[in-house]
Amino acid sequence: MSDAQPATPRPASTVLLLRDAPAGPEIFMVVRHRAIEFAAGALVFPGGRVEPADAEIAAGLAGAADPLGAFRVAAVRETFEECGLLLARTLGGVPLDPAQGAAVGAAHREALNAGARGFAALLQAEGLVPDVGALVPFAHWVTPADLPKRFDTRFFLAPAPMGHAAAHDGREAVDSIWIPPAQALAEADAGQHTLLFPTRMNLARLAGAADVAAAMATAAARPVVTVQPSIETDAEGRKVLRIPLEAGYGGPLFPAGTRAM
């Protein structure tokens, strides 16, 4: 038995970007590049690591005492990097219209993704602040302690800005879709997509929402319970994952499946 200490989870943010459609809410998802280190080839929500610069930006915002401030800024940044949608307002508090959003994307997104420009520089150049108030905390997942690469991930819901176009970045993500949560689950069950366990669980929690407003209201009213899955063996010898019942995913035990979390 190894005496090695568990890897320290890296802080990360993930965004469940929603829009209303005739058949119900749709969520924006991207297909991860197969050559990248984490979740290669999987259908995922946009997101990534919290960077030190995110905390610096959060410290300068109204409500800077928010313990999730850096996570919220990272969520806004990652949404722009991976989707091209900038959840931001002018210094006067006005949301970006579609033309403004497209112009900011054309001017800054490529440089930001290439590491040639920081997010703070983008905001300063355009006179913008992250619209952190658009994000509603939805879930909190921590990678199991026995895995070598671990993340401490905050999931946020956010309504997609009306009229703004979303598109994958072509770097970490090679494809993107707007899809009803129930359809994403059904297509994964049919072998058309690979879903990580947290992605599957969070899609299932959204699948019954009547519209975006209902999904946001439900999330705002539900306490966020931290989930760190543990693997067990049930009475029939099958590997299962245990998560807290209080987290609101419909049960404490689920088939282990792929342990890529």
C-alpha atoms as a PDB file:
ATOM      1  CA  MET A   1       0.000   0.000   0.000  1.00  0.00           C
ATOM      2  CA  SER A   2       1.396   3.385  -1.031  1.00  0.00           C
ATOM      3  CA  ASP A   3       2.121   6.057   1.573  1.00  0.00           C
ATOM      4  CA  ALA A   4       2.041   8.799  -1.065  1.00  0.00           C
ATOM      5  CA  GLN A   5      -0.053  11.815  -0.174  1.00  0.00           C
ATOM      6  CA  PRO A   6      -3.040  12.599  -2.415  1.00  0.00           C
ATOM      7  CA  ALA A   7      -2.417  15.180  -5.105  1.00  0.00           C
ATOM      8  CA  THR A   8      -3.634  18.675  -4.240  1.00  0.00           C
ATOM      9  CA  PRO A   9      -6.774  19.539  -6.247  1.00  0.00           C
ATOM     10  CA  ARG A  10      -6.361  22.452  -8.635  1.00  0.00           C
ATOM     11  CA  PRO A  11      -9.117  25.082  -8.452  1.00  0.00           C
ATOM     12  CA  ALA A  12     -11.243  25.145 -11.602  1.00  0.00           C
ATOM     13  CA  SER A  13     -14.492  26.592 -12.919  1.00  0.00           C
ATOM     14  CA  THR A  14     -17.052  25.130 -15.286  1.00  0.00           C
ATOM     15  CA  VAL A  15     -19.965  26.931 -16.954  1.00  0.00           C
ATOM     16  CA  LEU A  16     -23.309  25.406 -17.840  1.00  0.00           C
ATOM     17  CA  LEU A  17     -24.393  27.920 -20.462  1.00  0.00           C
ATOM     18  CA  LEU A  18     -28.139  27.747 -21.162  1.00  0.00           C
ATOM     19  CA  ARG A  19     -30.577  29.101 -23.726  1.00  0.00           C
ATOM     20  CA  ASP A  20     -34.308  28.589 -24.250  1.00  0.00           C
ATOM     21  CA  ALA A  21     -35.524  26.619 -27.265  1.00  0.00           C
ATOM     22  CA  PRO A  22     -38.981  25.446 -28.411  1.00  0.00           C
ATOM     23  CA  ALA A  23     -38.474  21.976 -26.907  1.00  0.00           C
ATOM     24  CA  GLY A  24     -36.969  23.279 -23.653  1.00  0.00           C
ATOM     25  CA  PRO A  25     -33.583  24.525 -22.438  1.00  0.00           C
ATOM     26  CA  GLU A  26     -30.451  23.723 -24.415  1.00  0.00           C
ATOM     27  CA  ILE A  27     -26.925  23.668 -23.048  1.00  0.00           C
ATOM     28  CA  PHE A  28     -23.702  24.560 -24.853  1.00  0.00           C
ATOM     29  CA  MET A  29     -21.151  21.740 -24.864  1.00  0.00           C
ATOM     30  CA  VAL A  30     -17.796  21.228 -26.522  1.00  0.00           C
ATOM     31  CA  VAL A  31     -15.866  18.157 -27.651  1.00  0.00           C
ATOM     32  CA  ARG A  32     -12.400  18.084 -26.149  1.00  0.00           C
ATOM     33  CA  HIS A  33      -9.424  17.549 -28.457  1.00  0.00           C
ATOM     34  CA  ARG A  34      -8.154  13.976 -28.296  1.00  0.00           C
ATOM     35  CA  ALA A  35      -4.543  15.119 -27.924  1.00  0.00           C
ATOM     36  CA  ILE A  36      -5.023  17.089 -24.708  1.00  0.00           C
ATOM     37  CA  GLU A  37      -4.129  15.772 -21.290  1.00  0.00           C
ATOM     38  CA  PHE A  38      -7.492  15.848 -19.484  1.00  0.00           C
ATOM     39  CA  ALA A  39     -10.862  14.486 -20.696  1.00  0.00           C
ATOM     40  CA  ALA A  40      -9.575  13.851 -24.213  1.00  0.00           C
ATOM     41  CA  GLY A  41     -12.432  13.344 -26.696  1.00  0.00           C
ATOM     42  CA  ALA A  42     -15.173  13.861 -24.106  1.00  0.00           C
ATOM     43  CA  LEU A  43     -18.284  16.016 -24.473  1.00  0.00           C
ATOM     44  CA  VAL A  44     -17.922  18.596 -21.692  1.00  0.00           C
ATOM     45  CA  PHE A  45     -19.076  21.964 -20.443  1.00  0.00           C
ATOM     46  CA  PRO A  46     -16.654  24.848 -21.095  1.00  0.00           C
ATOM     47  CA  GLY A  47     -14.248  25.475 -18.238  1.00  0.00           C
ATOM     48  CA  GLY A  48     -10.724  25.335 -16.945  1.00  0.00           C
ATOM     49  CA  ARG A  49      -8.326  26.233 -14.169  1.00  0.00           C
ATOM     50  CA  VAL A  50      -8.580  29.284 -11.966  1.00  0.00           C
ATOM     51  CA  GLU A  51      -5.512  31.443 -12.593  1.00  0.00           C
ATOM     52  CA  PRO A  52      -3.823  33.845 -10.160  1.00  0.00           C
ATOM     53  CA  ALA A  53      -4.859  36.736 -12.419  1.00  0.00           C
ATOM     54  CA  ASP A  54      -8.518  35.763 -11.938  1.00  0.00           C
ATOM     55  CA  ALA A  55      -8.176  36.382  -8.207  1.00  0.00           C
ATOM     56  CA  GLU A  56      -6.554  39.747  -8.894  1.00  0.00           C
ATOM     57  CA  ILE A  57      -9.461  40.787 -11.110  1.00  0.00           C
ATOM     58  CA  ALA A  58     -11.983  39.525  -8.547  1.00  0.00           C
ATOM     59  CA  ALA A  59     -10.305  41.576  -5.819  1.00  0.00           C
ATOM     60  CA  GLY A  60     -11.075  44.737  -7.766  1.00  0.00           C
ATOM     61  CA  LEU A  61     -14.763  44.036  -8.263  1.00  0.00           C
ATOM     62  CA  ALA A  62     -17.710  45.126  -6.173  1.00  0.00           C
ATOM     63  CA  GLY A  63     -18.420  42.355  -3.696  1.00  0.00           C
ATOM     64  CA  ALA A  64     -14.734  41.449  -3.601  1.00  0.00           C
ATOM     65  CA  ALA A  65     -15.280  39.523  -0.350  1.00  0.00           C
ATOM     66  CA  ASP A  66     -17.133  36.811  -2.298  1.00  0.00           C
ATOM     67  CA  PRO A  67     -15.230  33.552  -1.561  1.00  0.00           C
ATOM     68  CA  LEU A  68     -16.119  32.381  -5.077  1.00  0.00           C
ATOM     69  CA  GLY A  69     -14.909  35.597  -6.710  1.00  0.00           C
ATOM     70  CA  ALA A  70     -11.869  34.085  -8.442  1.00  0.00           C
ATOM     71  CA  PHE A  71     -13.945  31.092  -9.565  1.00  0.00           C
ATOM     72  CA  ARG A  72     -16.566  33.428 -11.053  1.00  0.00           C
ATOM     73  CA  VAL A  73     -13.982  35.470 -12.959  1.00  0.00           C
ATOM     74  CA  ALA A  74     -12.388  32.259 -14.240  1.00  0.00           C
ATOM     75  CA  ALA A  75     -15.837  31.089 -15.374  1.00  0.00           C
ATOM     76  CA  VAL A  76     -16.359  34.307 -17.352  1.00  0.00           C
ATOM     77  CA  ARG A  77     -12.879  34.109 -18.871  1.00  0.00           C
ATOM     78  CA  GLU A  78     -13.180  30.438 -19.802  1.00  0.00           C
ATOM     79  CA  THR A  79     -16.591  31.028 -21.376  1.00  0.00           C
ATOM     80  CA  PHE A  80     -15.055  33.674 -23.612  1.00  0.00           C
ATOM     81  CA  GLU A  81     -11.989  31.582 -24.443  1.00  0.00           C
ATOM     82  CA  GLU A  82     -13.887  28.380 -25.237  1.00  0.00           C
ATOM     83  CA  CYS A  83     -17.259  29.711 -26.489  1.00  0.00           C
ATOM     84  CA  GLY A  84     -16.555  33.240 -27.716  1.00  0.00           C
ATOM     85  CA  LEU A  85     -19.305  34.576 -25.433  1.00  0.00           C
ATOM     86  CA  LEU A  86     -18.227  37.353 -23.083  1.00  0.00           C
ATOM     87  CA  LEU A  87     -20.372  37.685 -19.967  1.00  0.00           C
ATOM     88  CA  ALA A  88     -19.442  41.289 -19.282  1.00  0.00           C
ATOM     89  CA  ARG A  89     -20.882  44.764 -18.806  1.00  0.00           C
ATOM     90  CA  THR A  90     -19.641  48.252 -19.524  1.00  0.00           C
ATOM     91  CA  LEU A  91     -18.384  50.357 -16.628  1.00  0.00           C
ATOM     92  CA  GLY A  92     -21.864  51.883 -16.649  1.00  0.00           C
ATOM     93  CA  GLY A  93     -23.463  48.486 -16.087  1.00  0.00           C
ATOM     94  CA  VAL A  94     -24.816  47.915 -19.612  1.00  0.00           C
ATOM     95  CA  PRO A  95     -24.580  44.362 -21.059  1.00  0.00           C
ATOM     96  CA  LEU A  96     -22.788  43.926 -24.367  1.00  0.00           C
ATOM     97  CA  ASP A  97     -25.052  43.723 -27.412  1.00  0.00           C
ATOM     98  CA  PRO A  98     -24.326  41.055 -30.071  1.00  0.00           C
ATOM     99  CA  ALA A  99     -22.358  43.430 -32.299  1.00  0.00           C
ATOM    100  CA  GLN A 100     -20.190  44.582 -29.402  1.00  0.00           C
ATOM    101  CA  GLY A 101     -19.619  41.001 -28.279  1.00  0.00           C
ATOM    102  CA  ALA A 102     -18.570  39.954 -31.774  1.00  0.00           C
ATOM    103  CA  ALA A 103     -16.194  42.913 -32.052  1.00  0.00           C
ATOM    104  CA  VAL A 104     -14.519  42.127 -28.730  1.00  0.00           C
ATOM    105  CA  GLY A 105     -14.165  38.497 -29.768  1.00  0.00           C
ATOM    106  CA  ALA A 106     -12.574  39.414 -33.090  1.00  0.00           C
ATOM    107  CA  ALA A 107     -10.171  41.808 -31.401  1.00  0.00           C
ATOM    108  CA  HIS A 108      -9.060  39.729 -28.431  1.00  0.00           C
ATOM    109  CA  ARG A 109     -10.067  36.059 -28.374  1.00  0.00           C
ATOM    110  CA  GLU A 110      -7.230  34.663 -30.494  1.00  0.00           C
ATOM    111  CA  ALA A 111      -4.585  36.601 -28.573  1.00  0.00           C
ATOM    112  CA  LEU A 112      -6.090  35.566 -25.244  1.00  0.00           C
ATOM    113  CA  ASN A 113      -6.146  31.892 -26.206  1.00  0.00           C
ATOM    114  CA  ALA A 114      -2.562  32.105 -27.460  1.00  0.00           C
ATOM    115  CA  GLY A 115      -1.405  33.601 -24.153  1.00  0.00           C
ATOM    116  CA  ALA A 116      -0.357  36.828 -25.852  1.00  0.00           C
ATOM    117  CA  ARG A 117      -2.896  38.908 -23.930  1.00  0.00           C
ATOM    118  CA  GLY A 118      -4.271  38.694 -20.418  1.00  0.00           C
ATOM    119  CA  PHE A 119      -7.935  38.876 -19.527  1.00  0.00           C
ATOM    120  CA  ALA A 120      -7.356  41.953 -17.353  1.00  0.00           C
ATOM    121  CA  ALA A 121      -5.791  43.749 -20.333  1.00  0.00           C
ATOM    122  CA  LEU A 122      -8.806  42.892 -22.476  1.00  0.00           C
ATOM    123  CA  LEU A 123     -11.223  44.243 -19.877  1.00  0.00           C
ATOM    124  CA  GLN A 124      -9.216  47.442 -19.437  1.00  0.00           C
ATOM    125  CA  ALA A 125      -8.883  48.025 -23.189  1.00  0.00           C
ATOM    126  CA  GLU A 126     -12.624  47.655 -23.746  1.00  0.00           C
ATOM    127  CA  GLY A 127     -13.821  49.359 -20.553  1.00  0.00           C
ATOM    128  CA  LEU A 128     -15.599  46.233 -19.276  1.00  0.00           C
ATOM    129  CA  VAL A 129     -16.147  44.318 -16.054  1.00  0.00           C
ATOM    130  CA  PRO A 130     -16.991  40.602 -15.772  1.00  0.00           C
ATOM    131  CA  ASP A 131     -20.718  40.038 -15.251  1.00  0.00           C
ATOM    132  CA  VAL A 132     -20.139  37.753 -12.269  1.00  0.00           C
ATOM    133  CA  GLY A 133     -23.724  38.333 -11.132  1.00  0.00           C
ATOM    134  CA  ALA A 134     -24.970  36.369 -14.149  1.00  0.00           C
ATOM    135  CA  LEU A 135     -23.474  33.187 -12.666  1.00  0.00           C
ATOM    136  CA  VAL A 136     -25.490  31.042 -10.252  1.00  0.00           C
ATOM    137  CA  PRO A 137     -23.556  28.390  -8.246  1.00  0.00           C
ATOM    138  CA  PHE A 138     -24.819  24.978  -9.321  1.00  0.00           C
ATOM    139  CA  ALA A 139     -22.446  22.302  -8.024  1.00  0.00           C
ATOM    140  CA  HIS A 140     -19.067  21.661  -6.408  1.00  0.00           C
ATOM    141  CA  TRP A 141     -17.094  18.542  -7.337  1.00  0.00           C
ATOM    142  CA  VAL A 142     -13.667  17.443  -6.103  1.00  0.00           C
ATOM    143  CA  THR A 143     -11.773  14.677  -7.879  1.00  0.00           C
ATOM    144  CA  PRO A 144     -11.389  11.462  -5.821  1.00  0.00           C
ATOM    145  CA  ALA A 145      -8.261  11.423  -3.652  1.00  0.00           C
ATOM    146  CA  ASP A 146      -6.763   8.340  -5.324  1.00  0.00           C
ATOM    147  CA  LEU A 147      -6.402   9.898  -8.779  1.00  0.00           C
ATOM    148  CA  PRO A 148      -3.115  11.556  -9.818  1.00  0.00           C
ATOM    149  CA  LYS A 149      -4.709  14.616 -11.471  1.00  0.00           C
ATOM    150  CA  ARG A 150      -7.291  16.318  -9.295  1.00  0.00           C
ATOM    151  CA  PHE A 151      -9.547  19.350  -9.588  1.00  0.00           C
ATOM    152  CA  ASP A 152     -11.640  21.330  -7.134  1.00  0.00           C
ATOM    153  CA  THR A 153     -14.336  22.492  -9.559  1.00  0.00           C
ATOM    154  CA  ARG A 154     -17.152  24.967  -9.104  1.00  0.00           C
ATOM    155  CA  PHE A 155     -20.003  24.616 -11.597  1.00  0.00           C
ATOM    156  CA  PHE A 156     -22.075  27.702 -12.478  1.00  0.00           C
ATOM    157  CA  LEU A 157     -25.264  28.179 -14.464  1.00  0.00           C
ATOM    158  CA  ALA A 158     -25.469  31.190 -16.764  1.00  0.00           C
ATOM    159  CA  PRO A 159     -28.000  32.290 -19.388  1.00  0.00           C
ATOM    160  CA  ALA A 160     -26.428  32.772 -22.813  1.00  0.00           C
ATOM    161  CA  PRO A 161     -26.516  36.431 -23.905  1.00  0.00           C
ATOM    162  CA  MET A 162     -29.413  36.848 -26.336  1.00  0.00           C
ATOM    163  CA  GLY A 163     -28.337  37.051 -29.973  1.00  0.00           C
ATOM    164  CA  HIS A 164     -24.658  36.344 -29.312  1.00  0.00           C
ATOM    165  CA  ALA A 165     -23.051  33.533 -31.345  1.00  0.00           C
ATOM    166  CA  ALA A 166     -21.157  30.761 -29.552  1.00  0.00           C
ATOM    167  CA  ALA A 167     -18.414  28.705 -31.186  1.00  0.00           C
ATOM    168  CA  HIS A 168     -15.662  26.360 -29.976  1.00  0.00           C
ATOM    169  CA  ASP A 169     -12.078  27.597 -29.982  1.00  0.00           C
ATOM    170  CA  GLY A 170     -10.582  25.021 -32.377  1.00  0.00           C
ATOM    171  CA  ARG A 171      -7.713  24.404 -29.944  1.00  0.00           C
ATOM    172  CA  GLU A 172      -8.760  22.530 -26.810  1.00  0.00           C
ATOM    173  CA  ALA A 173     -12.246  22.019 -28.269  1.00  0.00           C
ATOM    174  CA  VAL A 174     -12.749  20.637 -31.782  1.00  0.00           C
ATOM    175  CA  ASP A 175     -16.535  20.759 -32.013  1.00  0.00           C
ATOM    176  CA  SER A 176     -19.502  22.296 -30.196  1.00  0.00           C
ATOM    177  CA  ILE A 177     -23.253  21.886 -29.976  1.00  0.00           C
ATOM    178  CA  TRP A 178     -26.348  23.337 -28.356  1.00  0.00           C
ATOM    179  CA  ILE A 179     -28.238  20.319 -27.056  1.00  0.00           C
ATOM    180  CA  PRO A 180     -31.064  19.542 -24.607  1.00  0.00           C
ATOM    181  CA  PRO A 181     -29.579  17.857 -21.503  1.00  0.00           C
ATOM    182  CA  ALA A 182     -31.812  14.776 -21.898  1.00  0.00           C
ATOM    183  CA  GLN A 183     -30.664  14.359 -25.510  1.00  0.00           C
ATOM    184  CA  ALA A 184     -27.003  14.571 -24.512  1.00  0.00           C
ATOM    185  CA  LEU A 185     -27.599  11.788 -21.995  1.00  0.00           C
ATOM    186  CA  ALA A 186     -29.505   9.634 -24.510  1.00  0.00           C
ATOM    187  CA  GLU A 187     -26.826  10.030 -27.176  1.00  0.00           C
ATOM    188  CA  ALA A 188     -24.109   9.156 -24.662  1.00  0.00           C
ATOM    189  CA  ASP A 189     -26.038   6.026 -23.687  1.00  0.00           C
ATOM    190  CA  ALA A 190     -26.185   5.153 -27.400  1.00  0.00           C
ATOM    191  CA  GLY A 191     -22.400   5.434 -27.667  1.00  0.00           C
ATOM    192  CA  GLN A 192     -22.342   8.713 -29.622  1.00  0.00           C
ATOM    193  CA  HIS A 193     -20.581  10.709 -26.885  1.00  0.00           C
ATOM    194  CA  THR A 194     -18.241  10.164 -23.946  1.00  0.00           C
ATOM    195  CA  LEU A 195     -19.367  11.817 -20.718  1.00  0.00           C
ATOM    196  CA  LEU A 196     -17.370  12.130 -17.518  1.00  0.00           C
ATOM    197  CA  PHE A 197     -19.270  11.186 -14.365  1.00  0.00           C
ATOM    198  CA  PRO A 198     -19.767  14.781 -13.094  1.00  0.00           C
ATOM    199  CA  THR A 199     -20.926  15.880 -16.555  1.00  0.00           C
ATOM    200  CA  ARG A 200     -23.492  13.076 -16.672  1.00  0.00           C
ATOM    201  CA  MET A 201     -24.769  13.823 -13.183  1.00  0.00           C
ATOM    202  CA  ASN A 202     -25.140  17.549 -13.814  1.00  0.00           C
ATOM    203  CA  LEU A 203     -26.892  16.995 -17.144  1.00  0.00           C
ATOM    204  CA  ALA A 204     -29.344  14.695 -15.369  1.00  0.00           C
ATOM    205  CA  ARG A 205     -30.072  17.364 -12.762  1.00  0.00           C
ATOM    206  CA  LEU A 206     -30.907  19.859 -15.508  1.00  0.00           C
ATOM    207  CA  ALA A 207     -32.934  17.509 -17.677  1.00  0.00           C
ATOM    208  CA  GLY A 208     -36.307  18.289 -16.087  1.00  0.00           C
ATOM    209  CA  ALA A 209     -36.145  22.094 -16.207  1.00  0.00           C
ATOM    210  CA  ALA A 210     -39.022  23.748 -18.053  1.00  0.00           C
ATOM    211  CA  ASP A 211     -36.960  26.752 -19.148  1.00  0.00           C
ATOM    212  CA  VAL A 212     -33.807  28.687 -18.342  1.00  0.00           C
ATOM    213  CA  ALA A 213     -35.512  30.853 -15.723  1.00  0.00           C
ATOM    214  CA  ALA A 214     -36.759  27.757 -13.879  1.00  0.00           C
ATOM    215  CA  ALA A 215     -33.328  26.128 -13.982  1.00  0.00           C
ATOM    216  CA  MET A 216     -31.686  29.279 -12.620  1.00  0.00           C
ATOM    217  CA  ALA A 217     -34.290  29.703  -9.863  1.00  0.00           C
ATOM    218  CA  THR A 218     -33.977  26.089  -8.766  1.00  0.00           C
ATOM    219  CA  ALA A 219     -30.189  26.343  -8.618  1.00  0.00           C
ATOM    220  CA  ALA A 220     -30.323  29.591  -6.652  1.00  0.00           C
ATOM    221  CA  ALA A 221     -32.610  28.009  -4.053  1.00  0.00           C
ATOM    222  CA  ARG A 222     -30.638  24.766  -3.615  1.00  0.00           C
ATOM    223  CA  PRO A 223     -27.633  24.650  -1.257  1.00  0.00           C
ATOM    224  CA  VAL A 224     -24.462  23.486  -2.983  1.00  0.00           C
ATOM    225  CA  VAL A 225     -23.118  20.306  -1.371  1.00  0.00           C
ATOM    226  CA  THR A 226     -19.532  19.287  -2.112  1.00  0.00           C
ATOM    227  CA  VAL A 227     -19.214  15.990  -3.985  1.00  0.00           C
ATOM    228  CA  GLN A 228     -16.019  13.949  -3.802  1.00  0.00           C
ATOM    229  CA  PRO A 229     -16.863  10.490  -5.164  1.00  0.00           C
ATOM    230  CA  SER A 230     -15.454   7.418  -3.472  1.00  0.00           C
ATOM    231  CA  ILE A 231     -15.327   3.977  -5.032  1.00  0.00           C
ATOM    232  CA  GLU A 232     -16.848   0.992  -3.254  1.00  0.00           C
ATOM    233  CA  THR A 233     -17.825  -2.596  -3.956  1.00  0.00           C
ATOM    234  CA  ASP A 234     -21.509  -3.430  -3.581  1.00  0.00           C
ATOM    235  CA  ALA A 235     -23.025  -6.685  -2.263  1.00  0.00           C
ATOM    236  CA  GLU A 236     -22.841  -8.228  -5.741  1.00  0.00           C
ATOM    237  CA  GLY A 237     -19.168  -7.404  -6.209  1.00  0.00           C
ATOM    238  CA  ARG A 238     -19.699  -4.498  -8.596  1.00  0.00           C
ATOM    239  CA  LYS A 239     -17.698  -1.281  -8.407  1.00  0.00           C
ATOM    240  CA  VAL A 240     -19.875   1.699  -7.539  1.00  0.00           C
ATOM    241  CA  LEU A 241     -19.314   5.385  -6.839  1.00  0.00           C
ATOM    242  CA  ARG A 242     -20.712   6.888  -3.660  1.00  0.00           C
ATOM    243  CA  ILE A 243     -21.659  10.565  -3.500  1.00  0.00           C
ATOM    244  CA  PRO A 244     -23.619  12.498  -0.840  1.00  0.00           C
ATOM    245  CA  LEU A 245     -27.375  11.996  -1.089  1.00  0.00           C
ATOM    246  CA  GLU A 246     -27.789  15.635   0.013  1.00  0.00           C
ATOM    247  CA  ALA A 247     -26.101  16.815  -3.202  1.00  0.00           C
ATOM    248  CA  GLY A 248     -29.368  16.276  -5.054  1.00  0.00           C
ATOM    249  CA  TYR A 249     -28.436  13.767  -7.744  1.00  0.00           C
ATOM    250  CA  GLY A 250     -31.145  11.233  -6.929  1.00  0.00           C
ATOM    251  CA  GLY A 251     -29.147   8.740  -4.898  1.00  0.00           C
ATOM    252  CA  PRO A 252     -25.859   7.946  -3.200  1.00  0.00           C
ATOM    253  CA  LEU A 253     -24.617   5.032  -5.370  1.00  0.00           C
ATOM    254  CA  PHE A 254     -23.951   4.926  -9.121  1.00  0.00           C
ATOM    255  CA  PRO A 255     -22.147   2.475 -11.476  1.00  0.00           C
ATOM    256  CA  ALA A 256     -18.436   3.228 -11.500  1.00  0.00           C
ATOM    257  CA  GLY A 257     -17.970   3.182 -15.282  1.00  0.00           C
ATOM    258  CA  THR A 258     -14.970   5.189 -16.436  1.00  0.00           C
ATOM    259  CA  ARG A 259     -13.035   6.767 -13.579  1.00  0.00           C
ATOM    260  CA  ALA A 260     -11.898   9.744 -15.710  1.00  0.00           C
ATOM    261  CA  MET A 261     -12.845  12.634 -13.430  1.00  0.00           C
END
